[in-house]
Amino acid sequence: MDKKRELLKFIEDSPALDNNSKLKAILFITGAKPSTYVHLRIQKNLHDKHKFEELLEQNSISFEVGRAKGYEEIADVKGSAAVWKMKGTWYGYDLFSNKYTNERFLEYIMLLKQQKHSEADKIGGQVYGYPTCCVNKFIQEHNAKGMRKYNYYEYYKQLHDSDASFPFIAHTPCSPKCAETKKLNKKYAAAVKKWAPKFYKEYAKKKTYTVPVIVDIESDIPGARWKKKDGHDYVLITQKPIEGKYYLVSWLTKAAFKRGTVLKAKVTLQYDYARVNPLEKIGELKNFHHERKFAKL
């Protein structure tokens, strides 16, 4: 097995990479993306970190790795509380196809630290291979003032439609009909299907579950003044685990619900996106909240 195939097999098989990181790493390794950023999660699998770095070096891939940080997951839903637990540590990896993209990335970081966001975003778009039209719109709508032309529902529906239409891209498209993003999505899907068919099959598989979900907080942009507040983009938490895991999914609706409302819903998972079809209200958890316990240093 050549080194490139060995690295792709590691990415497909390793539990240290979630689906989003697997996708981005595969697209980078196959040359579809010029640079990328991935998370490597470590519990009792520190050997995966060493193996990943060894394979990157064997493939002559330039990378920078950040310091270890802790990550947590919902371990249980008890009464009116979502109980979180520390699961392990994660490392962030910036991967570069050549020295030039690495240097441009460092310039991007420097400009961010100087709060020169527009200049930084233009370079960041080049580093990660984002369409110019999407980068320009992102810059225009970088702050809350850019939201004044939108109704709340209209803005969040664009985001949901883009997630559903372009499951292989990592940037925010300028619209759900962006021609350049459509081309990239098609190119990326073909690359993943060719080079990582095992991951492609699992990633594209559609799974539907009927489960109770809890309405949690509502998404919003701090300081945004919407033309009209005509909807709600809620975070939903599955009250029971799906295949051993509690899921947090986004649900856009025009109806208002109290935090802690429990709905029976059909949740369809495909790619990194969830479609929610609420069936009926089945309860309410008063004072629903999150509980986190951190280890003392």
Protein backbone atom coordinates (compact mmCIF):
# COMPACT_ATOMS: atom_id res chain seq x y z
CA MET A 1 0.00 0.00 0.00
CA ASP A 2 1.45 3.40 -0.96
CA LYS A 3 1.71 6.14 1.66
CA LYS A 4 -1.20 8.19 0.30
CA ARG A 5 -3.54 5.17 0.41
CA GLU A 6 -2.30 4.34 3.90
CA LEU A 7 -3.11 7.86 5.11
CA LEU A 8 -6.57 7.76 3.52
CA LYS A 9 -7.27 4.39 5.14
CA PHE A 10 -6.24 5.79 8.53
CA ILE A 11 -8.57 8.76 8.05
CA GLU A 12 -11.49 6.51 7.10
CA ASP A 13 -10.97 4.08 9.99
CA SER A 14 -9.77 6.20 12.91
CA PRO A 15 -12.29 7.07 15.66
CA ALA A 16 -10.14 10.12 16.44
CA LEU A 17 -11.67 12.03 13.51
CA ASP A 18 -15.36 12.95 13.35
CA ASN A 19 -17.20 13.01 10.01
CA ASN A 20 -16.49 16.68 9.37
CA SER A 21 -12.76 16.25 9.93
CA LYS A 22 -12.68 13.02 7.90
CA LEU A 23 -14.35 14.80 4.99
CA LYS A 24 -12.00 17.78 5.02
CA ALA A 25 -8.90 15.61 5.46
CA ILE A 26 -9.88 13.35 2.54
CA LEU A 27 -10.48 16.34 0.27
CA PHE A 28 -7.10 17.77 1.22
CA ILE A 29 -5.14 14.53 0.83
CA THR A 30 -6.64 13.93 -2.63
CA GLY A 31 -5.69 17.42 -3.79
CA ALA A 32 -9.25 18.74 -4.03
CA LYS A 33 -8.54 21.39 -1.35
CA PRO A 34 -5.31 23.43 -1.01
CA SER A 35 -5.44 23.62 2.81
CA THR A 36 -7.71 22.55 5.62
CA TYR A 37 -8.20 22.37 9.38
CA VAL A 38 -9.18 19.20 11.27
CA HIS A 39 -9.74 18.07 14.86
CA LEU A 40 -8.13 14.92 16.25
CA ARG A 41 -9.93 13.63 19.37
CA ILE A 42 -8.01 11.60 21.92
CA GLN A 43 -9.39 9.44 24.73
CA LYS A 44 -7.36 6.26 25.15
CA ASN A 45 -6.05 6.38 21.59
CA LEU A 46 -2.94 8.56 21.86
CA HIS A 47 -1.31 6.23 19.34
CA ASP A 48 -3.66 7.71 16.71
CA LYS A 49 -2.03 11.12 17.17
CA HIS A 50 1.45 9.68 16.67
CA LYS A 51 0.31 7.63 13.65
CA PHE A 52 -1.46 10.60 12.04
CA GLU A 53 1.62 12.81 12.34
CA GLU A 54 3.86 10.02 11.09
CA LEU A 55 1.70 9.53 7.99
CA LEU A 56 1.54 13.28 7.34
CA GLU A 57 5.33 13.46 7.42
CA GLN A 58 5.69 10.40 5.18
CA ASN A 59 3.42 12.14 2.65
CA SER A 60 5.53 15.35 2.86
CA ILE A 61 2.56 17.34 4.17
CA SER A 62 3.31 20.57 6.00
CA PHE A 63 1.23 20.96 9.15
CA GLU A 64 0.89 22.89 12.38
CA VAL A 65 -0.69 21.38 15.48
CA GLY A 66 -2.23 23.33 18.35
CA ARG A 67 -2.07 22.65 22.06
CA ALA A 68 -4.29 20.00 23.61
CA LYS A 69 -7.76 21.15 24.68
CA GLY A 70 -10.49 19.30 26.52
CA TYR A 71 -13.80 18.38 24.91
CA GLU A 72 -17.10 17.30 26.42
CA GLU A 73 -20.26 15.53 25.34
CA ILE A 74 -23.74 15.06 26.77
CA ALA A 75 -23.51 11.92 28.88
CA ASP A 76 -27.13 11.81 30.07
CA VAL A 77 -30.42 13.70 30.23
CA LYS A 78 -31.69 13.53 33.81
CA GLY A 79 -34.97 15.20 34.58
CA SER A 80 -34.63 18.82 33.45
CA ALA A 81 -30.86 18.71 32.95
CA ALA A 82 -28.56 17.81 30.10
CA VAL A 83 -25.52 16.45 31.92
CA TRP A 84 -22.17 16.99 30.21
CA LYS A 85 -18.99 15.03 30.86
CA MET A 86 -15.40 15.56 29.82
CA LYS A 87 -14.53 12.89 27.27
CA GLY A 88 -10.93 13.59 26.37
CA THR A 89 -8.65 16.03 24.60
CA TRP A 90 -8.49 17.28 21.05
CA TYR A 91 -5.77 18.73 18.84
CA GLY A 92 -6.32 21.11 15.94
CA TYR A 93 -4.26 20.51 12.79
CA ASP A 94 -3.72 23.03 10.02
CA LEU A 95 -2.68 21.14 6.88
CA PHE A 96 -0.99 22.84 3.92
CA SER A 97 -0.26 21.62 0.40
CA ASN A 98 2.91 23.73 0.08
CA LYS A 99 5.09 26.34 1.74
CA TYR A 100 3.28 29.22 0.03
CA THR A 101 -0.15 28.34 1.48
CA ASN A 102 1.49 27.94 4.90
CA GLU A 103 2.96 31.44 4.64
CA ARG A 104 -0.37 32.88 3.49
CA PHE A 105 -2.06 31.22 6.46
CA LEU A 106 0.36 32.89 8.87
CA GLU A 107 -0.41 36.22 7.20
CA TYR A 108 -4.13 35.48 7.65
CA ILE A 109 -3.64 34.80 11.37
CA MET A 110 -1.59 37.99 11.82
CA LEU A 111 -4.32 40.11 10.21
CA LEU A 112 -6.99 38.50 12.42
CA LYS A 113 -4.96 39.39 15.52
CA GLN A 114 -4.78 42.96 14.21
CA GLN A 115 -8.59 42.88 13.77
CA LYS A 116 -8.25 43.53 10.04
CA HIS A 117 -11.05 41.11 9.31
CA SER A 118 -11.83 42.01 5.70
CA GLU A 119 -8.21 41.66 4.59
CA ALA A 120 -7.86 38.46 6.61
CA ASP A 121 -11.03 36.92 5.16
CA LYS A 122 -9.85 37.51 1.59
CA ILE A 123 -6.59 35.68 2.27
CA GLY A 124 -8.40 32.97 4.24
CA GLY A 125 -10.70 32.37 1.28
CA GLN A 126 -7.67 31.85 -0.97
CA VAL A 127 -5.91 29.59 1.54
CA TYR A 128 -8.93 27.28 1.88
CA GLY A 129 -10.11 27.44 -1.73
CA TYR A 130 -13.44 29.22 -1.20
CA PRO A 131 -15.25 30.91 -4.13
CA THR A 132 -14.63 34.67 -4.36
CA CYS A 133 -18.36 35.43 -4.49
CA CYS A 134 -18.89 33.62 -1.19
CA VAL A 135 -15.92 35.31 0.48
CA ASN A 136 -17.15 38.75 -0.61
CA LYS A 137 -20.64 38.17 0.78
CA PHE A 138 -19.20 36.83 4.03
CA ILE A 139 -17.18 40.04 4.39
CA GLN A 140 -20.26 42.19 3.66
CA GLU A 141 -22.27 40.40 6.35
CA HIS A 142 -19.47 39.98 8.86
CA ASN A 143 -21.17 42.01 11.59
CA ALA A 144 -24.68 42.50 12.91
CA LYS A 145 -25.30 45.53 10.67
CA GLY A 146 -25.32 43.22 7.65
CA MET A 147 -28.44 41.49 8.99
CA ARG A 148 -30.72 44.53 8.68
CA LYS A 149 -31.76 43.61 5.14
CA TYR A 150 -33.01 40.16 6.22
CA ASN A 151 -36.03 38.76 7.96
CA TYR A 152 -34.85 36.29 10.62
CA TYR A 153 -36.52 33.29 8.95
CA GLU A 154 -35.17 34.22 5.51
CA TYR A 155 -31.57 34.41 6.78
CA TYR A 156 -31.59 31.10 8.65
CA LYS A 157 -33.47 29.32 5.88
CA GLN A 158 -30.64 30.22 3.50
CA LEU A 159 -28.18 28.59 5.89
CA HIS A 160 -30.30 25.44 6.23
CA ASP A 161 -30.90 25.20 2.48
CA SER A 162 -27.17 25.59 1.82
CA ASP A 163 -26.30 22.83 4.33
CA ALA A 164 -28.79 20.51 2.63
CA SER A 165 -27.73 21.40 -0.93
CA PHE A 166 -23.95 21.33 -0.46
CA PRO A 167 -23.01 18.61 2.06
CA PHE A 168 -19.40 18.33 0.86
CA ILE A 169 -18.30 21.95 1.29
CA ALA A 170 -17.05 23.73 4.44
CA HIS A 171 -17.69 27.40 3.70
CA THR A 172 -20.87 29.48 3.88
CA PRO A 173 -22.16 29.86 0.29
CA CYS A 174 -23.28 33.27 -0.95
CA SER A 175 -26.63 31.60 -1.71
CA PRO A 176 -28.16 28.10 -1.79
CA LYS A 177 -27.98 28.40 -5.61
CA CYS A 178 -24.34 29.54 -5.88
CA ALA A 179 -22.98 28.16 -9.17
CA GLU A 180 -19.34 28.07 -8.00
CA THR A 181 -20.24 26.25 -4.78
CA LYS A 182 -22.34 23.78 -6.78
CA LYS A 183 -19.28 22.98 -8.93
CA LEU A 184 -17.10 22.54 -5.86
CA ASN A 185 -19.65 20.31 -4.14
CA LYS A 186 -19.82 18.07 -7.22
CA LYS A 187 -16.02 17.95 -7.48
CA TYR A 188 -15.63 17.15 -3.78
CA ALA A 189 -18.30 14.44 -3.83
CA ALA A 190 -16.58 12.74 -6.78
CA ALA A 191 -13.19 12.88 -5.03
CA VAL A 192 -14.54 11.35 -1.81
CA LYS A 193 -16.44 8.64 -3.70
CA LYS A 194 -13.31 7.70 -5.66
CA TRP A 195 -10.68 7.80 -2.93
CA ALA A 196 -12.67 6.95 0.21
CA PRO A 197 -15.69 4.85 -0.86
CA LYS A 198 -16.16 3.37 2.61
CA PHE A 199 -16.51 6.80 4.19
CA TYR A 200 -18.64 8.08 1.28
CA LYS A 201 -21.15 5.26 1.73
CA GLU A 202 -21.47 5.84 5.48
CA TYR A 203 -21.54 9.64 5.17
CA ALA A 204 -24.27 9.61 2.50
CA LYS A 205 -26.43 7.00 4.24
CA LYS A 206 -29.84 8.31 5.28
CA LYS A 207 -31.06 7.24 8.73
CA THR A 208 -34.46 8.17 10.19
CA TYR A 209 -35.41 7.88 13.86
CA THR A 210 -38.60 8.70 15.76
CA VAL A 211 -37.39 10.16 19.05
CA PRO A 212 -38.36 12.68 21.74
CA VAL A 213 -36.43 15.94 21.35
CA ILE A 214 -36.05 18.83 23.80
CA VAL A 215 -36.28 22.43 22.61
CA ASP A 216 -33.21 24.24 23.94
CA ILE A 217 -31.80 27.69 23.15
CA GLU A 218 -32.52 29.77 20.06
CA SER A 219 -29.79 30.83 17.63
CA ASP A 220 -29.29 34.54 17.02
CA ILE A 221 -26.57 37.00 16.09
CA PRO A 222 -25.62 39.36 18.95
CA GLY A 223 -26.71 42.90 18.15
CA ALA A 224 -28.62 41.91 15.01
CA ARG A 225 -31.61 44.06 14.09
CA TRP A 226 -33.72 41.97 11.78
CA LYS A 227 -36.08 43.54 9.29
CA LYS A 228 -38.64 41.21 10.83
CA LYS A 229 -38.35 38.61 13.61
CA ASP A 230 -40.56 35.99 11.98
CA GLY A 231 -39.06 32.67 13.00
CA HIS A 232 -36.94 30.66 15.43
CA ASP A 233 -33.83 28.55 14.84
CA TYR A 234 -33.80 26.26 17.85
CA VAL A 235 -31.19 23.81 19.09
CA LEU A 236 -32.90 20.48 19.74
CA ILE A 237 -31.42 17.81 22.00
CA THR A 238 -32.44 14.19 21.63
CA GLN A 239 -33.89 13.16 25.00
CA LYS A 240 -32.66 9.62 24.44
CA PRO A 241 -29.40 8.61 22.74
CA ILE A 242 -29.36 7.58 19.08
CA GLU A 243 -26.93 4.70 18.59
CA GLY A 244 -25.30 5.54 21.92
CA LYS A 245 -24.99 9.29 21.36
CA TYR A 246 -27.06 12.36 22.29
CA TYR A 247 -27.48 14.63 19.27
CA LEU A 248 -27.81 18.41 19.10
CA VAL A 249 -29.53 19.47 15.88
CA SER A 250 -30.74 22.75 14.44
CA TRP A 251 -34.44 23.21 13.66
CA LEU A 252 -35.94 26.23 11.92
CA THR A 253 -39.61 26.96 12.52
CA LYS A 254 -42.02 29.88 12.45
CA ALA A 255 -43.76 28.63 15.60
CA ALA A 256 -42.53 29.66 19.05
CA PHE A 257 -41.77 27.07 21.75
CA LYS A 258 -40.72 27.41 25.37
CA ARG A 259 -37.32 26.12 26.30
CA GLY A 260 -37.79 22.62 27.71
CA THR A 261 -40.72 21.71 25.44
CA VAL A 262 -40.53 18.02 24.52
CA LEU A 263 -41.64 17.02 21.02
CA LYS A 264 -42.02 13.65 19.40
CA ALA A 265 -40.24 14.02 16.07
CA LYS A 266 -38.87 12.19 13.07
CA VAL A 267 -35.19 13.06 12.77
CA THR A 268 -33.45 12.15 9.52
CA LEU A 269 -29.66 12.20 9.63
CA GLN A 270 -27.65 12.35 6.40
CA TYR A 271 -24.20 13.77 5.72
CA ASP A 272 -23.62 16.28 8.56
CA TYR A 273 -27.19 17.57 8.46
CA ALA A 274 -30.46 16.71 10.21
CA ARG A 275 -34.02 17.19 8.96
CA VAL A 276 -36.63 17.44 11.71
CA ASN A 277 -40.32 16.67 11.26
CA PRO A 278 -42.19 17.39 14.53
CA LEU A 279 -45.15 15.09 15.14
CA GLU A 280 -46.65 16.25 18.43
CA LYS A 281 -45.90 17.91 21.75
CA ILE A 282 -45.50 15.26 24.44
CA GLY A 283 -44.32 17.20 27.48
CA GLU A 284 -42.42 20.07 29.03
CA LEU A 285 -39.36 20.14 31.26
CA LYS A 286 -39.49 23.09 33.64
CA ASN A 287 -36.25 25.04 34.09
CA PHE A 288 -34.40 22.96 31.51
CA HIS A 289 -30.66 23.60 31.81
CA HIS A 290 -27.19 22.19 31.26
CA GLU A 291 -24.97 20.74 34.00
CA ARG A 292 -21.22 20.71 33.59
CA LYS A 293 -18.63 19.43 36.04
CA PHE A 294 -14.97 20.19 35.49
CA ALA A 295 -12.08 18.43 37.13
CA LYS A 296 -10.09 20.48 39.67
CA LEU A 297 -6.52 21.25 38.69
